Structure formats: C-alpha cells, structure tokens
Amino acid sequence: MDAESTTTDSTTTDSTTTDSTTTDSTTTADRYLAALNEPDPALRRELIAAAWSPLGSLTDPPAGAAGHEGVAAIADGLHAQFPGHAFRRTSGIDRHHDRIRFGWELVAPDGTPVLTGLDVADVMEDGRVGAVTGFFGDLPSLA
C-alpha cells in the first residue's frame, strides 16, 4: 500500500480525491441523467454519445444494452412507457477509484416519484460513463 490510499474494512479510499474529482463525477452523473431525460430522440442520441463511452452499457432489472444505440433504445422505451417523466439525482456522488454511485428517482410531470434507485457506474478516462448498473428501490432488509 502506498501513501496515496488507505484501507479500512476492505474499502479503499483514494486520498488524492479532490473537489475537482467530485465536480467531475457530478458532471459525469448529471450528463448521463440529462441524456436519458432528453425528450427529443435525435438530441438524446447526441447526448448519449457525449455521456457514454462507445462501448458503454446500461443494465437495469428489466433491460440491458450496450453501445450508444443500445442505451438509446432503452431511453426510447423509457420515454414511451413514462411520457413526461424525468430522472433526478437524490444524493451526492460517492466515488472511489474509477467508480461512482448515486441515488435517483424517476418523477412524474407533477414531481411525484414513481421509482427510486441507485446506480453504480464506471467512469472512463475521458470522463464518460462505461458500464452502468442500476438497482431499483431500497436495499433489501436482512432476513
């Protein structure tokens, strides 16, 4: 272990994380959600290309896809199923190494949450997301 990181309870925290890294992570997450929220399909595809790595993927409980067109197809389906709805972040960004996680909710046009979840995403060197894995709802209780 070098002087740049510390380990506690099997969790490594990079002590070189700065406010600019947090800002960059926030920008990455917000660009990703803005791309999914865009109602115009052509502009949505442009925003997806700007927010996702070409080999990026999105895996949620009901669907999974890879590449810009695959992610766009999931977004198209979301807009068809939930017209006028939008994702908004419900937490700050937690980051370690090249991964981020954050809470979100899908809200109806009147602002009522209809779905909540948590996403974990790889952040590529260029600041775009790579693989995104989404989880819906709260964490399960202990049995």
Protein backbone atom coordinates (compact mmCIF):
# COMPACT_ATOMS: atom_id res chain seq x y z
CA MET A 1 0.00 0.00 0.00
CA ASP A 2 1.35 3.42 -0.90
CA ALA A 3 0.92 6.76 0.81
CA GLU A 4 -1.84 7.69 -1.63
CA SER A 5 -4.51 5.35 -0.28
CA THR A 6 -5.83 3.96 2.97
CA THR A 7 -7.75 0.79 3.64
CA THR A 8 -10.46 0.38 6.26
CA ASP A 9 -12.78 -2.60 6.48
CA SER A 10 -11.89 -3.75 2.94
CA THR A 11 -12.81 -0.35 1.47
CA THR A 12 -10.11 1.63 -0.26
CA THR A 13 -10.42 5.38 -0.28
CA ASP A 14 -8.18 7.33 -2.61
CA SER A 15 -6.81 10.21 -0.57
CA THR A 16 -5.96 12.10 -3.76
CA THR A 17 -9.65 12.66 -4.49
CA THR A 18 -10.16 16.40 -4.72
CA ASP A 19 -13.05 18.78 -5.10
CA SER A 20 -12.37 18.78 -8.86
CA THR A 21 -12.74 14.98 -8.94
CA THR A 22 -16.03 15.29 -7.11
CA THR A 23 -17.15 18.00 -9.52
CA ASP A 24 -16.09 15.87 -12.47
CA SER A 25 -18.00 12.90 -11.03
CA THR A 26 -21.05 15.07 -10.50
CA THR A 27 -20.81 16.33 -14.08
CA THR A 28 -20.49 12.75 -15.34
CA ALA A 29 -23.59 11.59 -13.43
CA ASP A 30 -25.64 14.65 -14.34
CA ARG A 31 -24.72 14.38 -18.05
CA TYR A 32 -25.76 10.74 -18.01
CA LEU A 33 -29.16 11.53 -16.46
CA ALA A 34 -29.68 14.55 -18.74
CA ALA A 35 -29.11 12.30 -21.76
CA LEU A 36 -31.76 9.85 -20.56
CA ASN A 37 -34.17 12.70 -19.79
CA GLU A 38 -33.93 14.42 -23.19
CA PRO A 39 -37.34 14.08 -24.92
CA ASP A 40 -36.11 14.65 -28.49
CA PRO A 41 -34.77 11.30 -29.80
CA ALA A 42 -32.15 12.81 -32.13
CA LEU A 43 -30.76 15.12 -29.46
CA ARG A 44 -30.96 12.30 -26.91
CA ARG A 45 -28.68 10.19 -29.13
CA GLU A 46 -26.18 13.06 -29.33
CA LEU A 47 -26.23 13.47 -25.55
CA ILE A 48 -25.82 9.72 -25.05
CA ALA A 49 -22.76 9.76 -27.32
CA ALA A 50 -21.33 12.63 -25.26
CA ALA A 51 -22.11 10.98 -21.90
CA TRP A 52 -21.30 7.31 -22.65
CA SER A 53 -18.21 5.56 -23.89
CA PRO A 54 -18.88 3.88 -27.27
CA LEU A 55 -18.56 0.50 -25.54
CA GLY A 56 -20.62 1.62 -22.54
CA SER A 57 -23.58 -0.33 -21.28
CA LEU A 58 -26.69 0.10 -19.16
CA THR A 59 -28.01 -2.80 -17.12
CA ASP A 60 -31.20 -2.35 -15.08
CA PRO A 61 -33.51 -5.03 -13.68
CA PRO A 62 -35.84 -5.12 -16.73
CA ALA A 63 -33.31 -4.46 -19.51
CA GLY A 64 -29.71 -4.35 -20.54
CA ALA A 65 -27.97 -2.97 -23.60
CA ALA A 66 -24.53 -1.97 -24.83
CA GLY A 67 -23.25 0.75 -27.12
CA HIS A 68 -24.78 4.11 -27.89
CA GLU A 69 -27.66 2.67 -29.90
CA GLY A 70 -28.43 0.10 -27.21
CA VAL A 71 -28.55 2.76 -24.48
CA ALA A 72 -30.65 4.96 -26.78
CA ALA A 73 -33.11 2.09 -27.29
CA ILE A 74 -33.54 1.75 -23.52
CA ALA A 75 -34.08 5.52 -23.25
CA ASP A 76 -36.61 5.38 -26.10
CA GLY A 77 -38.51 2.68 -24.21
CA LEU A 78 -38.47 4.72 -21.01
CA HIS A 79 -39.94 7.74 -22.80
CA ALA A 80 -42.64 5.56 -24.37
CA GLN A 81 -43.54 3.93 -21.05
CA PHE A 82 -43.21 7.07 -18.90
CA PRO A 83 -44.02 10.10 -21.08
CA GLY A 84 -43.09 13.40 -19.45
CA HIS A 85 -41.20 11.72 -16.59
CA ALA A 86 -37.61 12.58 -15.70
CA PHE A 87 -34.77 11.23 -13.61
CA ARG A 88 -33.31 13.40 -10.88
CA ARG A 89 -30.42 12.68 -8.57
CA THR A 90 -31.36 12.22 -4.89
CA SER A 91 -27.89 12.00 -3.39
CA GLY A 92 -24.39 13.27 -3.71
CA ILE A 93 -21.85 11.30 -5.67
CA ASP A 94 -19.83 8.63 -3.89
CA ARG A 95 -16.62 7.80 -5.75
CA HIS A 96 -13.68 5.52 -5.34
CA HIS A 97 -11.15 4.65 -7.99
CA ASP A 98 -12.97 4.78 -11.33
CA ARG A 99 -16.48 4.11 -10.00
CA ILE A 100 -19.33 6.30 -8.83
CA ARG A 101 -22.64 5.59 -7.18
CA PHE A 102 -25.63 7.80 -6.55
CA GLY A 103 -29.31 7.66 -5.75
CA TRP A 104 -32.00 8.79 -8.18
CA GLU A 105 -35.72 8.89 -8.63
CA LEU A 106 -37.95 8.89 -11.67
CA VAL A 107 -40.56 11.62 -11.22
CA ALA A 108 -43.89 12.19 -12.93
CA PRO A 109 -44.60 15.54 -14.60
CA ASP A 110 -46.18 16.73 -11.32
CA GLY A 111 -42.96 15.88 -9.41
CA THR A 112 -44.29 12.72 -7.75
CA PRO A 113 -41.62 9.98 -7.53
CA VAL A 114 -42.74 6.79 -9.26
CA LEU A 115 -39.49 4.81 -8.97
CA THR A 116 -36.33 5.14 -6.91
CA GLY A 117 -32.99 3.51 -7.28
CA LEU A 118 -29.23 3.51 -7.10
CA ASP A 119 -26.77 3.45 -9.99
CA VAL A 120 -23.15 2.33 -9.96
CA ALA A 121 -21.08 3.40 -12.95
CA ASP A 122 -17.55 3.08 -14.25
CA VAL A 123 -16.03 6.42 -15.20
CA MET A 124 -13.72 6.21 -18.18
CA GLU A 125 -10.52 8.25 -18.54
CA ASP A 126 -12.33 10.74 -20.81
CA GLY A 127 -15.00 11.36 -18.14
CA ARG A 128 -17.76 9.44 -19.89
CA VAL A 129 -19.55 6.53 -18.27
CA GLY A 130 -18.71 2.98 -19.20
CA ALA A 131 -20.75 0.21 -17.62
CA VAL A 132 -23.76 1.39 -15.57
CA THR A 133 -25.63 -0.99 -13.30
CA GLY A 134 -28.91 0.20 -11.84
CA PHE A 135 -30.84 -1.13 -8.88
CA PHE A 136 -34.48 -0.27 -8.20
CA GLY A 137 -35.99 0.51 -4.81
CA ASP A 138 -34.47 0.36 -1.36
CA LEU A 139 -31.89 -2.18 -0.34
CA PRO A 140 -33.47 -5.39 0.95
CA SER A 141 -33.80 -5.95 4.70
CA LEU A 142 -31.74 -8.54 6.49
CA ALA A 143 -33.53 -11.88 6.51
